[in-house]
Amino acid sequence: MPLAGHGPVPARWSEHHRPVASGTHTATCAIRRQTGEGGIDDDGVWHPPTFTVVYTGPCRIIPQPTDARIVVSGEQQVSLRSYDVAIEWDAANVFEGDHLTVTSGQDPRIAGLELLVTDVRLSGETWERVLACQANLTEEA
């Protein structure tokens, strides 16, 4: 039981521990948000959707311990793998549906990994921002 007038978590607890969390961000990534729809112009040429970058910087990529799972999407089997990605606590807002690209990491094979943000995890004490993401392994084949 804390003393009267004191909470169980000391003042500036998160502020004190944020450098420790940041020190574990050994990869880098870029997060983009779709800002425009793709479409076909009058000449029949496809123009992809436009994106804006909302974050570039350090991150930690944490693969989930489960094997890839197969789901059916648009009458096609798709193999998905889940990851948690931690970014700096004070990064700009990231939303579900944003696209994350790993740009570098200790394991060079991780560079270029494309993920889709499926959830933004919230917490009362914030040392870092944690994003739930999925990779479509079907595209790699």
N, C-alpha and C. Protein backbone atom coordinates (compact mmCIF):
# COMPACT_ATOMS: atom_id res chain seq x y z
N MET A 1 0.85 -1.17 0.00
CA MET A 1 0.00 0.00 0.00
C MET A 1 0.90 1.23 0.00
N PRO A 2 0.69 2.13 -0.99
CA PRO A 2 1.51 3.34 -1.01
C PRO A 2 1.18 4.26 0.16
N LEU A 3 2.14 5.10 0.48
CA LEU A 3 1.92 6.08 1.53
C LEU A 3 0.86 7.08 1.07
N ALA A 4 0.17 7.67 2.01
CA ALA A 4 -0.85 8.68 1.68
C ALA A 4 -0.22 9.80 0.86
N GLY A 5 -0.90 10.17 -0.22
CA GLY A 5 -0.40 11.24 -1.07
C GLY A 5 0.61 10.78 -2.11
N HIS A 6 0.90 9.48 -2.15
CA HIS A 6 1.85 8.93 -3.12
C HIS A 6 1.18 7.82 -3.91
N GLY A 7 1.44 7.77 -5.22
CA GLY A 7 0.92 6.70 -6.06
C GLY A 7 1.87 5.53 -6.09
N PRO A 8 1.44 4.39 -6.59
CA PRO A 8 2.32 3.22 -6.67
C PRO A 8 3.41 3.37 -7.73
N VAL A 9 3.19 4.28 -8.69
CA VAL A 9 4.19 4.53 -9.72
C VAL A 9 4.80 5.90 -9.46
N PRO A 10 6.11 5.98 -9.28
CA PRO A 10 6.75 7.27 -8.99
C PRO A 10 6.54 8.27 -10.12
N ALA A 11 6.59 9.54 -9.79
CA ALA A 11 6.51 10.60 -10.79
C ALA A 11 7.64 10.42 -11.80
N ARG A 12 7.37 10.72 -13.05
CA ARG A 12 8.34 10.64 -14.15
C ARG A 12 8.87 9.23 -14.38
N TRP A 13 8.09 8.21 -14.00
CA TRP A 13 8.49 6.81 -14.19
C TRP A 13 8.75 6.52 -15.66
N SER A 14 7.80 6.86 -16.52
CA SER A 14 7.97 6.61 -17.96
C SER A 14 9.15 7.39 -18.52
N GLU A 15 9.25 8.66 -18.13
CA GLU A 15 10.34 9.50 -18.62
C GLU A 15 11.70 8.88 -18.29
N HIS A 16 11.81 8.28 -17.12
CA HIS A 16 13.06 7.66 -16.68
C HIS A 16 13.38 6.42 -17.51
N HIS A 17 12.36 5.64 -17.90
CA HIS A 17 12.60 4.35 -18.56
C HIS A 17 12.57 4.42 -20.09
N ARG A 18 12.14 5.52 -20.67
CA ARG A 18 12.06 5.62 -22.13
C ARG A 18 13.42 5.41 -22.81
N PRO A 19 14.52 5.94 -22.29
CA PRO A 19 15.81 5.68 -22.95
C PRO A 19 16.16 4.19 -23.00
N VAL A 20 15.74 3.43 -22.00
CA VAL A 20 16.02 1.99 -22.00
C VAL A 20 15.26 1.33 -23.16
N ALA A 21 13.98 1.66 -23.30
CA ALA A 21 13.18 1.10 -24.40
C ALA A 21 13.77 1.54 -25.74
N SER A 22 14.13 2.80 -25.86
CA SER A 22 14.70 3.29 -27.12
C SER A 22 15.99 2.57 -27.48
N GLY A 23 16.74 2.17 -26.48
CA GLY A 23 17.99 1.45 -26.72
C GLY A 23 17.79 0.07 -27.33
N THR A 24 16.58 -0.45 -27.25
CA THR A 24 16.30 -1.77 -27.84
C THR A 24 15.80 -1.67 -29.28
N HIS A 25 15.65 -0.45 -29.78
CA HIS A 25 15.19 -0.25 -31.16
C HIS A 25 16.40 -0.35 -32.09
N THR A 26 16.69 -1.55 -32.55
CA THR A 26 17.90 -1.81 -33.33
C THR A 26 17.65 -1.90 -34.83
N ALA A 27 16.42 -1.68 -35.24
CA ALA A 27 16.07 -1.64 -36.67
C ALA A 27 15.58 -0.24 -36.99
N THR A 28 15.37 0.03 -38.26
CA THR A 28 14.75 1.28 -38.67
C THR A 28 13.59 0.96 -39.61
N CYS A 29 12.59 1.86 -39.59
CA CYS A 29 11.43 1.62 -40.44
C CYS A 29 10.83 2.94 -40.89
N ALA A 30 9.98 2.84 -41.89
CA ALA A 30 9.22 3.98 -42.38
C ALA A 30 7.75 3.57 -42.38
N ILE A 31 6.89 4.48 -41.94
CA ILE A 31 5.45 4.21 -41.92
C ILE A 31 4.79 5.22 -42.84
N ARG A 32 3.97 4.70 -43.77
CA ARG A 32 3.29 5.54 -44.75
C ARG A 32 1.78 5.37 -44.62
N ARG A 33 1.08 6.44 -44.95
CA ARG A 33 -0.39 6.42 -44.92
C ARG A 33 -0.90 6.77 -46.31
N GLN A 34 -1.86 5.98 -46.78
CA GLN A 34 -2.45 6.24 -48.09
C GLN A 34 -3.26 7.53 -48.04
N THR A 35 -2.97 8.44 -48.98
CA THR A 35 -3.65 9.74 -48.99
C THR A 35 -4.51 9.94 -50.22
N GLY A 36 -4.36 9.07 -51.19
CA GLY A 36 -5.15 9.19 -52.42
C GLY A 36 -5.40 7.83 -53.03
N GLU A 37 -6.48 7.73 -53.76
CA GLU A 37 -6.83 6.46 -54.41
C GLU A 37 -6.05 6.31 -55.71
N GLY A 38 -5.76 5.08 -56.05
CA GLY A 38 -5.19 4.80 -57.35
C GLY A 38 -6.30 4.81 -58.39
N GLY A 39 -5.91 4.84 -59.63
CA GLY A 39 -6.93 4.82 -60.67
C GLY A 39 -6.33 4.72 -62.06
N ILE A 40 -7.20 4.56 -63.02
CA ILE A 40 -6.80 4.45 -64.41
C ILE A 40 -7.14 5.77 -65.09
N ASP A 41 -6.17 6.31 -65.82
CA ASP A 41 -6.42 7.58 -66.51
C ASP A 41 -7.10 7.34 -67.85
N ASP A 42 -7.32 8.40 -68.60
CA ASP A 42 -8.05 8.31 -69.87
C ASP A 42 -7.32 7.46 -70.90
N ASP A 43 -6.00 7.31 -70.74
CA ASP A 43 -5.22 6.49 -71.68
C ASP A 43 -5.13 5.03 -71.24
N GLY A 44 -5.82 4.68 -70.16
CA GLY A 44 -5.82 3.30 -69.67
C GLY A 44 -4.58 2.94 -68.85
N VAL A 45 -3.86 3.95 -68.39
CA VAL A 45 -2.65 3.71 -67.59
C VAL A 45 -3.02 3.75 -66.12
N TRP A 46 -2.59 2.71 -65.39
CA TRP A 46 -2.85 2.62 -63.95
C TRP A 46 -1.88 3.52 -63.20
N HIS A 47 -2.41 4.33 -62.29
CA HIS A 47 -1.60 5.16 -61.41
C HIS A 47 -1.86 4.69 -59.98
N PRO A 48 -0.81 4.25 -59.27
CA PRO A 48 -1.00 3.73 -57.91
C PRO A 48 -1.45 4.82 -56.94
N PRO A 49 -1.99 4.40 -55.80
CA PRO A 49 -2.40 5.39 -54.80
C PRO A 49 -1.20 6.20 -54.29
N THR A 50 -1.48 7.38 -53.77
CA THR A 50 -0.42 8.21 -53.21
C THR A 50 -0.33 7.99 -51.70
N PHE A 51 0.86 8.16 -51.17
CA PHE A 51 1.13 7.95 -49.75
C PHE A 51 1.88 9.14 -49.20
N THR A 52 1.75 9.34 -47.89
CA THR A 52 2.56 10.32 -47.18
C THR A 52 3.27 9.61 -46.03
N VAL A 53 4.50 9.98 -45.78
CA VAL A 53 5.28 9.35 -44.71
C VAL A 53 4.89 9.99 -43.38
N VAL A 54 4.53 9.15 -42.39
CA VAL A 54 4.16 9.66 -41.07
C VAL A 54 5.23 9.37 -40.02
N TYR A 55 6.17 8.44 -40.31
CA TYR A 55 7.24 8.14 -39.35
C TYR A 55 8.41 7.51 -40.10
N THR A 56 9.59 7.96 -39.78
CA THR A 56 10.82 7.26 -40.16
C THR A 56 11.73 7.31 -38.95
N GLY A 57 12.30 6.19 -38.60
CA GLY A 57 13.19 6.19 -37.45
C GLY A 57 13.39 4.81 -36.88
N PRO A 58 13.92 4.77 -35.66
CA PRO A 58 14.25 3.50 -35.03
C PRO A 58 13.00 2.71 -34.65
N CYS A 59 13.15 1.40 -34.65
CA CYS A 59 12.05 0.52 -34.25
C CYS A 59 12.61 -0.82 -33.80
N ARG A 60 11.76 -1.62 -33.21
CA ARG A 60 12.09 -2.99 -32.83
C ARG A 60 11.03 -3.89 -33.45
N ILE A 61 11.45 -4.92 -34.16
CA ILE A 61 10.54 -5.85 -34.82
C ILE A 61 10.50 -7.11 -33.98
N ILE A 62 9.29 -7.50 -33.54
CA ILE A 62 9.13 -8.64 -32.66
C ILE A 62 8.19 -9.65 -33.32
N PRO A 63 8.73 -10.72 -33.91
CA PRO A 63 7.83 -11.71 -34.51
C PRO A 63 7.04 -12.42 -33.42
N GLN A 64 5.78 -12.68 -33.70
CA GLN A 64 4.95 -13.40 -32.74
C GLN A 64 5.30 -14.88 -32.78
N PRO A 65 5.23 -15.56 -31.66
CA PRO A 65 5.71 -16.94 -31.59
C PRO A 65 4.83 -17.95 -32.33
N THR A 66 3.71 -17.52 -32.87
CA THR A 66 2.85 -18.46 -33.58
C THR A 66 3.31 -18.59 -35.02
N ASP A 67 3.01 -19.73 -35.61
CA ASP A 67 3.32 -19.93 -37.02
C ASP A 67 2.41 -19.06 -37.87
N ALA A 68 2.79 -18.92 -39.12
CA ALA A 68 1.94 -18.17 -40.05
C ALA A 68 0.59 -18.87 -40.12
N ARG A 69 -0.47 -18.06 -40.28
CA ARG A 69 -1.80 -18.65 -40.41
C ARG A 69 -2.34 -18.35 -41.79
N ILE A 70 -3.18 -19.24 -42.25
CA ILE A 70 -3.75 -19.11 -43.58
C ILE A 70 -5.20 -18.65 -43.45
N VAL A 71 -5.55 -17.60 -44.19
CA VAL A 71 -6.92 -17.10 -44.22
C VAL A 71 -7.35 -17.03 -45.68
N VAL A 72 -8.64 -16.97 -45.90
CA VAL A 72 -9.16 -16.82 -47.25
C VAL A 72 -9.56 -15.37 -47.44
N SER A 73 -9.02 -14.76 -48.48
CA SER A 73 -9.31 -13.36 -48.77
C SER A 73 -9.55 -13.24 -50.27
N GLY A 74 -10.74 -12.82 -50.65
CA GLY A 74 -11.06 -12.68 -52.07
C GLY A 74 -10.94 -13.99 -52.82
N GLU A 75 -11.41 -15.05 -52.22
CA GLU A 75 -11.39 -16.40 -52.82
C GLU A 75 -9.98 -16.92 -53.05
N GLN A 76 -9.01 -16.41 -52.32
CA GLN A 76 -7.62 -16.86 -52.43
C GLN A 76 -7.08 -17.12 -51.04
N GLN A 77 -6.31 -18.20 -50.88
CA GLN A 77 -5.67 -18.45 -49.60
C GLN A 77 -4.48 -17.52 -49.43
N VAL A 78 -4.42 -16.89 -48.27
CA VAL A 78 -3.35 -15.94 -47.98
C VAL A 78 -2.69 -16.36 -46.68
N SER A 79 -1.36 -16.38 -46.68
CA SER A 79 -0.60 -16.75 -45.49
C SER A 79 -0.13 -15.47 -44.80
N LEU A 80 -0.52 -15.30 -43.52
CA LEU A 80 -0.18 -14.10 -42.76
C LEU A 80 0.71 -14.43 -41.57
N ARG A 81 1.64 -13.57 -41.26
CA ARG A 81 2.46 -13.69 -40.06
C ARG A 81 2.33 -12.40 -39.27
N SER A 82 2.21 -12.53 -37.95
CA SER A 82 2.01 -11.36 -37.07
C SER A 82 3.32 -10.91 -36.45
N TYR A 83 3.44 -9.60 -36.28
CA TYR A 83 4.60 -8.97 -35.66
C TYR A 83 4.11 -7.88 -34.73
N ASP A 84 4.85 -7.60 -33.67
CA ASP A 84 4.70 -6.37 -32.92
C ASP A 84 5.88 -5.50 -33.32
N VAL A 85 5.61 -4.22 -33.53
CA VAL A 85 6.66 -3.28 -33.88
C VAL A 85 6.61 -2.14 -32.88
N ALA A 86 7.72 -1.90 -32.21
CA ALA A 86 7.81 -0.80 -31.24
C ALA A 86 8.54 0.36 -31.90
N ILE A 87 7.97 1.56 -31.78
CA ILE A 87 8.60 2.78 -32.30
C ILE A 87 8.73 3.77 -31.15
N GLU A 88 9.36 4.88 -31.40
CA GLU A 88 9.57 5.90 -30.37
C GLU A 88 8.23 6.34 -29.78
N TRP A 89 8.20 6.57 -28.50
CA TRP A 89 6.96 6.86 -27.77
C TRP A 89 6.30 8.15 -28.25
N ASP A 90 7.07 9.11 -28.73
CA ASP A 90 6.51 10.40 -29.11
C ASP A 90 6.36 10.56 -30.62
N ALA A 91 6.33 9.45 -31.33
CA ALA A 91 6.14 9.49 -32.79
C ALA A 91 4.76 10.04 -33.13
N ALA A 92 4.62 10.51 -34.35
CA ALA A 92 3.31 10.98 -34.82
C ALA A 92 2.30 9.83 -34.73
N ASN A 93 1.03 10.17 -34.71
CA ASN A 93 0.00 9.14 -34.63
C ASN A 93 0.08 8.18 -35.80
N VAL A 94 -0.03 6.91 -35.48
CA VAL A 94 -0.07 5.84 -36.47
C VAL A 94 -1.45 5.22 -36.35
N PHE A 95 -2.05 4.84 -37.49
CA PHE A 95 -3.40 4.31 -37.48
C PHE A 95 -3.45 2.93 -38.12
N GLU A 96 -4.51 2.20 -37.80
CA GLU A 96 -4.76 0.93 -38.48
C GLU A 96 -4.82 1.20 -39.98
N GLY A 97 -4.23 0.32 -40.74
CA GLY A 97 -4.22 0.47 -42.20
C GLY A 97 -2.99 1.17 -42.73
N ASP A 98 -2.16 1.75 -41.85
CA ASP A 98 -0.91 2.35 -42.31
C ASP A 98 0.04 1.24 -42.76
N HIS A 99 0.96 1.59 -43.65
CA HIS A 99 1.92 0.63 -44.21
C HIS A 99 3.29 0.87 -43.60
N LEU A 100 3.93 -0.20 -43.11
CA LEU A 100 5.23 -0.10 -42.47
C LEU A 100 6.24 -0.88 -43.29
N THR A 101 7.36 -0.26 -43.60
CA THR A 101 8.44 -0.92 -44.31
C THR A 101 9.68 -0.90 -43.43
N VAL A 102 10.24 -2.08 -43.18
CA VAL A 102 11.49 -2.15 -42.42
C VAL A 102 12.62 -1.76 -43.37
N THR A 103 13.40 -0.75 -42.99
CA THR A 103 14.45 -0.26 -43.87
C THR A 103 15.84 -0.81 -43.53
N SER A 104 16.05 -1.23 -42.27
CA SER A 104 17.33 -1.84 -41.90
C SER A 104 17.15 -2.58 -40.58
N GLY A 105 18.09 -3.48 -40.30
CA GLY A 105 18.05 -4.21 -39.04
C GLY A 105 19.33 -5.00 -38.85
N GLN A 106 19.50 -5.54 -37.64
CA GLN A 106 20.67 -6.35 -37.34
C GLN A 106 20.76 -7.55 -38.27
N ASP A 107 19.60 -8.14 -38.59
CA ASP A 107 19.54 -9.23 -39.56
C ASP A 107 19.24 -8.59 -40.91
N PRO A 108 20.19 -8.62 -41.85
CA PRO A 108 19.98 -7.92 -43.12
C PRO A 108 18.79 -8.46 -43.92
N ARG A 109 18.32 -9.67 -43.62
CA ARG A 109 17.19 -10.24 -44.35
C ARG A 109 15.88 -9.54 -44.01
N ILE A 110 15.84 -8.78 -42.92
CA ILE A 110 14.60 -8.13 -42.51
C ILE A 110 14.34 -6.84 -43.30
N ALA A 111 15.39 -6.26 -43.86
CA ALA A 111 15.22 -5.03 -44.64
C ALA A 111 14.29 -5.31 -45.82
N GLY A 112 13.33 -4.43 -46.02
CA GLY A 112 12.37 -4.58 -47.10
C GLY A 112 11.08 -5.27 -46.69
N LEU A 113 11.02 -5.78 -45.45
CA LEU A 113 9.80 -6.44 -44.98
C LEU A 113 8.66 -5.43 -44.98
N GLU A 114 7.56 -5.78 -45.62
CA GLU A 114 6.38 -4.91 -45.72
C GLU A 114 5.31 -5.42 -44.76
N LEU A 115 4.82 -4.53 -43.90
CA LEU A 115 3.82 -4.89 -42.90
C LEU A 115 2.63 -3.94 -43.00
N LEU A 116 1.48 -4.42 -42.57
CA LEU A 116 0.28 -3.60 -42.48
C LEU A 116 -0.06 -3.46 -41.01
N VAL A 117 -0.26 -2.23 -40.54
CA VAL A 117 -0.62 -1.99 -39.14
C VAL A 117 -2.07 -2.43 -38.93
N THR A 118 -2.28 -3.35 -37.98
CA THR A 118 -3.62 -3.86 -37.71
C THR A 118 -4.18 -3.37 -36.38
N ASP A 119 -3.31 -2.83 -35.50
CA ASP A 119 -3.77 -2.33 -34.21
C ASP A 119 -2.69 -1.43 -33.62
N VAL A 120 -3.11 -0.41 -32.91
CA VAL A 120 -2.19 0.46 -32.18
C VAL A 120 -2.48 0.23 -30.71
N ARG A 121 -1.51 -0.33 -29.99
CA ARG A 121 -1.72 -0.70 -28.59
C ARG A 121 -1.55 0.54 -27.72
N LEU A 122 -2.49 0.76 -26.83
CA LEU A 122 -2.46 1.92 -25.94
C LEU A 122 -2.16 1.47 -24.52
N SER A 123 -1.57 2.37 -23.72
CA SER A 123 -1.19 2.04 -22.36
C SER A 123 -1.17 3.30 -21.52
N GLY A 124 -1.39 3.14 -20.23
CA GLY A 124 -1.33 4.28 -19.31
C GLY A 124 0.09 4.76 -19.09
N GLU A 125 1.05 3.85 -19.05
CA GLU A 125 2.47 4.18 -18.94
C GLU A 125 3.10 3.88 -20.29
N THR A 126 3.69 4.87 -20.92
CA THR A 126 4.19 4.70 -22.27
C THR A 126 5.70 4.90 -22.33
N TRP A 127 6.41 3.82 -22.65
CA TRP A 127 7.85 3.89 -22.86
C TRP A 127 8.16 3.91 -24.34
N GLU A 128 7.26 3.31 -25.10
CA GLU A 128 7.38 3.22 -26.55
C GLU A 128 5.99 2.98 -27.10
N ARG A 129 5.79 3.21 -28.37
CA ARG A 129 4.50 2.94 -29.00
C ARG A 129 4.59 1.57 -29.66
N VAL A 130 3.63 0.70 -29.38
CA VAL A 130 3.65 -0.66 -29.91
C VAL A 130 2.52 -0.83 -30.91
N LEU A 131 2.88 -1.34 -32.09
CA LEU A 131 1.94 -1.54 -33.18
C LEU A 131 1.83 -3.03 -33.48
N ALA A 132 0.62 -3.54 -33.62
CA ALA A 132 0.43 -4.90 -34.10
C ALA A 132 0.39 -4.83 -35.62
N CYS A 133 1.15 -5.69 -36.27
CA CYS A 133 1.25 -5.65 -37.73
C CYS A 133 1.16 -7.06 -38.30
N GLN A 134 0.88 -7.13 -39.60
CA GLN A 134 0.85 -8.41 -40.30
C GLN A 134 1.62 -8.30 -41.60
N ALA A 135 2.31 -9.39 -41.93
CA ALA A 135 2.99 -9.51 -43.22
C ALA A 135 2.25 -10.52 -44.04
N ASN A 136 2.04 -10.21 -45.31
CA ASN A 136 1.41 -11.15 -46.24
C ASN A 136 2.52 -11.98 -46.86
N LEU A 137 2.69 -13.21 -46.37
CA LEU A 137 3.76 -14.07 -46.85
C LEU A 137 3.49 -14.61 -48.24
N THR A 138 2.24 -14.59 -48.67
CA THR A 138 1.87 -15.08 -49.98
C THR A 138 2.57 -14.29 -51.07
N GLU A 139 2.74 -12.99 -50.85
CA GLU A 139 3.38 -12.14 -51.85
C GLU A 139 4.86 -12.45 -52.03
N GLU A 140 5.49 -13.07 -51.00
CA GLU A 140 6.91 -13.37 -51.08
C GLU A 140 7.21 -14.53 -52.00
N ALA A 141 6.22 -15.40 -52.23
CA ALA A 141 6.46 -16.61 -53.05
C ALA A 141 6.64 -16.28 -54.51
